[in-house]
Protein backbone atom coordinates (compact mmCIF):
# COMPACT_ATOMS: atom_id res chain seq x y z
CA MET A 1 -116.55 -227.35 102.87
CA ASN A 2 -112.85 -227.74 102.01
CA GLN A 3 -110.19 -225.23 102.95
CA GLY A 4 -110.33 -223.47 99.56
CA GLY A 5 -113.99 -222.71 100.02
CA VAL A 6 -113.37 -221.55 103.64
CA LYS A 7 -110.61 -219.21 102.48
CA LEU A 8 -112.57 -217.67 99.54
CA ASN A 9 -115.71 -217.20 101.60
CA GLU A 10 -113.55 -215.84 104.47
CA TYR A 11 -115.15 -218.15 107.05
CA GLU A 12 -113.29 -218.69 110.35
CA ASN A 13 -113.22 -222.46 109.78
CA SER A 14 -115.04 -225.25 107.98
CA ASP A 15 -117.32 -225.80 110.99
CA TYR A 16 -118.76 -222.36 110.39
CA ALA A 17 -120.25 -223.56 107.09
CA SER A 18 -121.85 -226.61 108.55
CA GLY A 19 -125.60 -226.43 108.37
CA LEU A 20 -125.76 -223.31 106.20
CA ASP A 21 -128.25 -223.16 103.32
CA CYS A 22 -126.52 -224.00 100.05
CA THR A 23 -127.71 -220.74 98.50
CA ILE A 24 -126.36 -218.47 101.22
CA GLY A 25 -124.55 -215.49 99.79
CA ILE A 26 -125.67 -216.20 96.25
CA LYS A 27 -127.15 -213.14 94.60
CA GLU A 28 -130.86 -213.31 94.25
CA LYS A 29 -131.05 -213.58 90.44
CA TYR A 30 -128.93 -216.70 90.50
CA ILE A 31 -130.67 -218.55 93.39
CA GLY A 32 -133.30 -220.04 91.08
CA SER A 33 -130.53 -221.57 88.88
CA MET A 34 -128.80 -223.05 91.87
CA LYS A 35 -132.06 -224.60 93.18
CA ASP A 36 -132.75 -226.03 89.73
CA ALA A 37 -129.25 -227.61 89.61
CA SER A 38 -129.81 -229.09 93.08
CA GLU A 39 -133.14 -230.60 92.05
CA LYS A 40 -131.58 -232.15 88.97
CA ALA A 41 -128.76 -233.53 91.11
CA LYS A 42 -131.34 -235.22 93.39
CA GLN A 43 -132.56 -236.99 90.23
CA GLY A 44 -129.05 -238.13 89.47
CA LYS A 45 -128.13 -235.46 86.90
CA THR A 46 -125.04 -233.23 86.90
CA THR A 47 -125.32 -229.59 86.01
CA SER A 48 -122.77 -226.83 85.29
CA LEU A 49 -123.54 -223.16 85.97
CA GLU A 50 -121.94 -219.77 86.76
CA TYR A 51 -123.21 -217.42 89.39
CA GLU A 52 -122.13 -214.53 91.62
CA SER A 53 -122.15 -214.47 95.35
CA THR A 54 -121.14 -212.12 98.22
CA ASN A 55 -119.03 -213.54 101.02
CA ILE A 56 -119.40 -212.69 104.71
CA LYS A 57 -116.87 -209.83 104.35
CA GLY A 58 -118.93 -208.26 101.50
CA ARG A 59 -116.58 -209.26 98.65
CA ASP A 60 -118.27 -210.29 95.38
CA ILE A 61 -117.04 -213.51 93.86
CA TRP A 62 -117.89 -215.14 90.54
CA TRP A 63 -118.05 -218.95 90.59
CA GLU A 64 -118.02 -221.68 87.99
CA SER A 65 -119.72 -224.75 89.66
CA ILE A 66 -120.63 -228.31 88.93
CA VAL A 67 -123.58 -229.65 91.03
CA GLY A 68 -124.02 -233.41 90.99
CA PRO A 69 -125.24 -236.40 93.01
CA ILE A 70 -123.34 -238.76 95.35
CA HIS A 71 -124.67 -242.33 95.17
CA ASP A 72 -124.54 -245.19 97.65
CA HIS A 73 -123.47 -248.66 96.56
CA HIS A 74 -127.07 -249.38 95.47
CA GLY A 75 -127.04 -246.35 93.13
CA ASN A 76 -129.35 -244.27 95.30
CA VAL A 77 -128.65 -240.56 95.65
CA ILE A 78 -127.66 -240.02 99.28
CA SER A 79 -126.22 -236.45 99.05
CA LEU A 80 -125.20 -233.71 96.70
CA ILE A 81 -121.78 -232.28 95.88
CA ARG A 82 -120.88 -228.88 94.52
CA ILE A 83 -117.38 -228.29 93.07
CA SER A 84 -116.65 -224.63 92.47
CA ARG A 85 -113.77 -222.50 91.36
CA ASP A 86 -113.27 -218.74 91.54
CA VAL A 87 -113.56 -217.18 88.06
CA THR A 88 -113.86 -213.52 89.24
CA ASP A 89 -110.78 -212.39 87.29
CA ARG A 90 -112.04 -213.96 84.13
CA LYS A 91 -115.49 -212.41 84.49
CA LYS A 92 -113.97 -208.98 85.14
CA ALA A 93 -111.86 -209.36 81.97
CA GLU A 94 -114.95 -210.46 80.04
CA LYS A 95 -116.84 -207.41 81.34
CA LYS A 96 -114.14 -205.07 80.23
CA LEU A 97 -114.01 -206.75 76.84
CA LYS A 98 -117.79 -206.44 76.45
CA GLU A 99 -117.68 -202.82 77.48
CA GLY A 100 -114.93 -202.12 74.96
CA HIS A 101 -116.80 -204.04 72.31
CA GLN A 102 -119.97 -201.99 73.03
CA ARG A 103 -117.99 -198.78 72.76
CA LEU A 104 -116.70 -199.95 69.34
CA LEU A 105 -120.22 -200.73 68.18
CA THR A 106 -121.47 -197.38 69.39
CA VAL A 107 -118.72 -195.64 67.34
CA LEU A 108 -119.45 -197.73 64.23
CA ASP A 109 -123.17 -197.03 64.67
CA GLY A 110 -122.55 -193.31 64.44
CA ILE A 111 -120.45 -193.44 61.25
CA ASN A 112 -122.18 -191.85 58.23
CA ALA A 113 -121.38 -194.82 56.00
CA LEU A 114 -122.36 -198.46 55.71
CA VAL A 115 -120.59 -200.53 58.36
CA TYR A 116 -121.07 -204.25 58.70
CA VAL A 117 -119.33 -207.30 60.14
CA THR A 118 -119.58 -210.79 58.72
CA ASP A 119 -118.32 -214.25 59.62
CA MET A 120 -115.58 -215.03 57.07
CA ASP A 121 -116.66 -218.71 56.78
CA SER A 122 -120.45 -218.70 56.96
CA TYR A 123 -120.92 -215.09 55.56
CA GLU A 124 -123.46 -214.44 58.37
CA LEU A 125 -124.01 -210.78 59.18
CA LEU A 126 -122.99 -210.24 62.79
CA PHE A 127 -123.41 -206.46 62.95
CA VAL A 128 -124.91 -203.69 60.77
CA ASN A 129 -124.76 -200.05 61.85
CA LYS A 130 -127.63 -197.57 61.87
CA TYR A 131 -126.78 -196.26 58.43
CA GLY A 132 -127.01 -199.75 56.99
CA ARG A 133 -130.18 -200.59 58.92
CA ASP A 134 -131.92 -197.52 57.54
CA ILE A 135 -131.23 -198.76 53.98
CA TRP A 136 -131.43 -202.57 54.29
CA GLY A 137 -133.45 -203.01 57.51
CA ASP A 138 -132.63 -205.36 60.35
CA ILE A 139 -130.58 -207.91 58.46
CA VAL A 140 -128.29 -209.18 61.25
CA GLY A 141 -128.25 -212.98 61.07
CA ASN A 142 -128.82 -213.05 57.29
CA ILE A 143 -126.17 -214.10 54.73
CA CYS A 144 -124.36 -211.07 53.33
CA TRP A 145 -124.29 -212.15 49.70
CA LYS A 146 -128.02 -212.93 49.77
CA THR A 147 -128.96 -209.63 51.37
CA LEU A 148 -126.49 -206.86 50.47
CA GLN A 149 -126.09 -207.91 46.80
CA GLU A 150 -128.58 -209.06 44.14
CA GLY A 151 -128.52 -212.06 41.72
CA GLN A 152 -125.88 -214.03 43.58
CA THR A 153 -126.10 -217.81 43.74
CA GLY A 154 -123.22 -218.13 46.18
CA PRO A 155 -120.51 -215.99 47.80
CA CYS A 156 -119.73 -213.01 45.57
CA ASP A 157 -116.89 -213.57 43.08
CA PHE A 158 -115.75 -210.01 43.96
CA CYS A 159 -115.58 -210.79 47.71
CA THR A 160 -112.31 -209.48 49.21
CA ASN A 161 -111.98 -212.04 52.03
CA LYS A 162 -108.99 -213.57 50.16
CA TYR A 163 -107.10 -210.31 50.54
CA LEU A 164 -107.65 -209.83 54.25
CA LEU A 165 -105.60 -212.68 55.83
CA ASP A 166 -101.96 -213.75 55.38
CA SER A 167 -100.79 -217.31 54.83
CA LYS A 168 -100.93 -217.92 58.58
CA GLY A 169 -104.47 -216.65 58.90
CA ASN A 170 -103.49 -213.38 60.58
CA PRO A 171 -105.16 -210.07 59.63
CA LYS A 172 -103.39 -208.02 56.95
CA ASP A 173 -103.51 -204.31 56.25
CA PRO A 174 -106.91 -202.86 55.13
CA TYR A 175 -107.96 -203.48 51.50
CA THR A 176 -109.53 -200.58 49.63
CA TRP A 177 -111.64 -200.70 46.49
CA GLU A 178 -114.58 -199.04 44.70
CA PHE A 179 -117.76 -200.93 43.72
CA GLN A 180 -121.30 -200.32 42.41
CA ASN A 181 -123.80 -202.10 44.66
CA THR A 182 -126.03 -204.45 42.77
CA VAL A 183 -129.14 -203.68 44.89
CA ASN A 184 -129.31 -199.84 44.90
CA ASN A 185 -126.77 -199.19 42.11
CA HIS A 186 -124.89 -196.70 44.32
CA TRP A 187 -121.13 -196.41 44.12
CA TYR A 188 -119.06 -196.93 47.30
CA PHE A 189 -115.50 -196.41 48.35
CA ILE A 190 -114.86 -199.49 50.51
CA VAL A 191 -112.34 -200.26 53.25
CA ASP A 192 -112.21 -203.95 54.30
CA ARG A 193 -110.14 -205.54 56.98
CA ALA A 194 -110.13 -208.62 59.21
CA ILE A 195 -110.49 -208.06 62.96
CA GLN A 196 -110.94 -210.20 66.03
CA TRP A 197 -114.54 -210.30 67.22
CA ILE A 198 -115.61 -210.40 70.86
CA ASP A 199 -115.91 -214.23 70.80
CA GLY A 200 -112.31 -214.57 69.51
CA ARG A 201 -113.01 -215.45 65.90
CA ILE A 202 -111.59 -213.49 62.98
CA VAL A 203 -114.31 -211.58 61.08
CA ARG A 204 -114.58 -209.19 58.17
CA LEU A 205 -115.27 -205.49 58.92
CA GLU A 206 -116.34 -203.34 55.99
CA ILE A 207 -116.86 -199.57 55.89
CA ALA A 208 -118.45 -198.46 52.62
CA THR A 209 -118.82 -194.71 51.93
CA ASP A 210 -121.32 -193.64 49.29
CA ILE A 211 -119.48 -191.83 46.47
CA THR A 212 -122.33 -191.90 43.91
CA GLU A 213 -122.46 -188.09 43.65
CA ARG A 214 -118.67 -187.93 43.14
CA MET A 215 -118.78 -190.52 40.45
CA LYS A 216 -121.65 -188.69 38.70
CA ALA A 217 -119.61 -185.47 38.84
CA GLU A 218 -116.57 -187.27 37.44
CA GLU A 219 -118.69 -188.60 34.64
CA THR A 220 -120.03 -185.13 33.91
CA VAL A 221 -116.50 -183.68 33.84
CA THR A 222 -115.35 -186.49 31.59
CA SER A 223 -118.31 -185.93 29.30
CA ILE A 224 -117.71 -182.19 29.10
CA GLY A 225 -114.06 -182.80 28.53
CA ASN A 226 -114.84 -185.14 25.62
CA ILE A 227 -117.18 -182.49 24.16
CA LEU A 228 -114.50 -179.78 24.36
CA GLU A 229 -111.77 -182.12 23.13
CA ASN A 230 -113.81 -182.98 20.04
CA SER A 231 -115.20 -179.53 19.35
CA LEU A 232 -114.82 -178.14 15.86
CA ASN A 233 -113.75 -174.87 17.48
CA GLU A 234 -110.20 -174.50 18.77
CA ILE A 235 -110.29 -174.26 22.59
CA TYR A 236 -107.31 -173.12 24.70
CA ILE A 237 -107.00 -172.86 28.45
CA PHE A 238 -103.99 -171.00 29.88
CA ASN A 239 -102.73 -169.77 33.24
CA ALA A 240 -103.86 -166.16 33.71
CA GLU A 241 -100.61 -165.21 35.52
CA THR A 242 -97.90 -167.05 33.56
CA LEU A 243 -99.96 -167.24 30.32
CA LYS A 244 -98.69 -170.77 29.70
CA PHE A 245 -101.16 -173.12 28.14
CA ILE A 246 -102.71 -175.74 30.41
CA ASN A 247 -104.85 -177.58 27.93
CA VAL A 248 -105.51 -177.28 24.24
CA ASN A 249 -108.18 -179.32 22.39
CA ARG A 250 -107.56 -181.69 19.48
CA GLY A 251 -108.81 -179.35 16.78
CA ALA A 252 -106.32 -176.65 17.78
CA ARG A 253 -103.44 -179.09 18.16
CA GLU A 254 -104.04 -180.62 14.76
CA ASN A 255 -104.34 -177.23 13.02
CA LEU A 256 -101.27 -175.79 14.76
CA GLY A 257 -99.14 -178.99 14.35
CA TYR A 258 -98.03 -178.96 18.01
CA THR A 259 -98.44 -181.73 20.63
CA LEU A 260 -100.07 -180.87 23.95
CA GLU A 261 -96.72 -181.26 25.68
CA GLU A 262 -95.15 -178.72 23.32
CA LEU A 263 -98.01 -176.27 23.73
CA GLN A 264 -97.77 -176.45 27.58
CA ASN A 265 -94.39 -174.72 27.19
CA LEU A 266 -95.90 -171.93 25.05
CA THR A 267 -98.18 -168.99 25.62
CA PRO A 268 -100.72 -167.16 23.41
CA LEU A 269 -97.94 -164.73 22.49
CA ASP A 270 -96.07 -167.56 20.71
CA LEU A 271 -99.11 -167.90 18.41
CA LYS A 272 -100.05 -164.23 18.04
CA PHE A 273 -96.97 -162.70 16.57
CA GLU A 274 -98.52 -159.16 16.28
CA PHE A 275 -98.91 -158.93 20.09
CA THR A 276 -96.15 -157.89 22.49
CA PRO A 277 -96.35 -158.84 26.20
CA GLN A 278 -97.39 -155.22 26.97
CA SER A 279 -100.03 -154.88 24.25
CA PHE A 280 -101.53 -158.31 25.11
CA GLU A 281 -101.72 -157.35 28.76
CA GLU A 282 -103.49 -154.08 27.84
CA HIS A 283 -105.85 -156.02 25.61
CA ILE A 284 -106.98 -158.36 28.38
CA GLN A 285 -106.96 -155.84 31.25
CA PRO A 286 -110.79 -155.37 31.12
CA LEU A 287 -111.08 -159.04 32.00
CA ARG A 288 -108.74 -158.71 34.99
CA THR A 289 -110.53 -155.70 36.38
CA GLY A 290 -113.98 -157.23 35.89
CA GLU A 291 -115.02 -154.44 33.44
CA LYS A 292 -115.88 -157.15 30.88
CA GLU A 293 -116.76 -160.80 31.19
CA ARG A 294 -115.61 -161.64 27.67
CA ILE A 295 -113.70 -159.91 24.89
CA VAL A 296 -113.88 -160.77 21.19
CA PHE A 297 -111.18 -159.85 18.67
CA THR A 298 -109.65 -161.08 15.41
CA THR A 299 -105.95 -161.97 14.99
CA THR A 300 -103.64 -164.30 13.15
CA HIS A 301 -102.16 -167.60 14.40
CA LYS A 302 -98.81 -168.96 13.50
CA ARG A 303 -98.49 -172.74 13.03
CA LYS A 304 -95.48 -174.82 13.97
CA ASP A 305 -94.49 -175.03 10.26
CA GLY A 306 -94.46 -171.22 9.97
CA SER A 307 -97.73 -170.80 8.08
CA PHE A 308 -100.56 -168.51 9.28
CA TYR A 309 -104.30 -168.56 9.59
CA ASP A 310 -106.90 -165.97 10.66
CA VAL A 311 -109.04 -166.49 13.77
CA GLU A 312 -111.84 -164.83 15.78
CA VAL A 313 -111.02 -165.08 19.47
CA HIS A 314 -113.59 -165.17 22.32
CA LEU A 315 -111.65 -164.79 25.53
CA GLN A 316 -112.90 -164.99 29.17
CA LEU A 317 -111.38 -165.25 32.64
CA SER A 318 -112.40 -168.13 34.93
CA ARG A 319 -111.25 -169.69 38.20
CA SER A 320 -110.28 -173.34 38.20
CA GLU A 321 -108.66 -175.31 41.06
CA GLU A 322 -107.97 -172.07 43.01
CA ARG A 323 -106.19 -170.38 40.08
CA ARG A 324 -107.31 -167.98 37.50
CA VAL A 325 -107.21 -169.21 33.86
CA GLY A 326 -107.90 -167.68 30.52
CA LYS A 327 -110.17 -169.55 28.13
CA GLU A 328 -110.08 -168.97 24.40
CA CYS A 329 -112.58 -170.26 21.86
CA ARG A 330 -111.40 -169.55 18.35
CA SER A 331 -113.16 -169.92 15.02
CA ARG A 332 -110.83 -170.01 12.00
CA TRP A 333 -111.90 -168.91 8.57
CA SER A 334 -108.85 -168.95 6.40
CA PRO A 335 -106.49 -171.84 5.57
């Protein structure tokens, strides 16, 4: 044994190691691998392996070793040689990295959204969290565009990989987008970014939150808005405190001759000339107190050009976006 081995094993001198079994100090689970390497060396083969041992002072050491044969001038194996180097610091660093990686996977596994990691070149799925496994099953090892999408003959043309790295191949800021999945038809809000994986390669991490219900709600709101906008009745929404109009549908705008922007600077009092601020407040007081849910009355509206027309008003008080608003639905019967 050379002086490096004597020092690391903390022997008194090289003579101490003479005659010792080659597996002395090696932890039990690695002894079989060392014996296999020794047998191969006797057959003239060289083997590389890593193992952990404990020296005579009780210190654990990780080794990276090459075990091979020594031949005589006839080519016969006459002895074996083991060349080892201490890789304890590297193994400790690898352990910390693995522990940190496992903590990351544990966090990702608990997110209530689809989280997956893919190789950016091969598109192989490297990780899928529990949320994703519950929907798609155990798909790690599969190709993402073949598994997570439908009807693709190659990498998706909407893949965002091209947005995740700069010209030098370094990760950029996260890329966000919305997309309707082609397998389950759900809508997702997606955050993609490139990260370094445990093996050092740059991979794609995607977090996709299901927003299907939100999209349905938005579609419903849009649909209702279109119905109100195109209603034959005149519909007005105004702030219950300031009385200023918030929204007025197309039928009312066209009949009055005002644009929406102009109307948003007006109040119902600008259209109902027979009301004063005090009399209008008295008129709608039952709505404010909750005595009535709706009041119906007739009045006259004044157009932008100064002409008038009679209307029947159905007025109610509602709450929208944390503020109270008045809603009028008016039917006109005179030109």
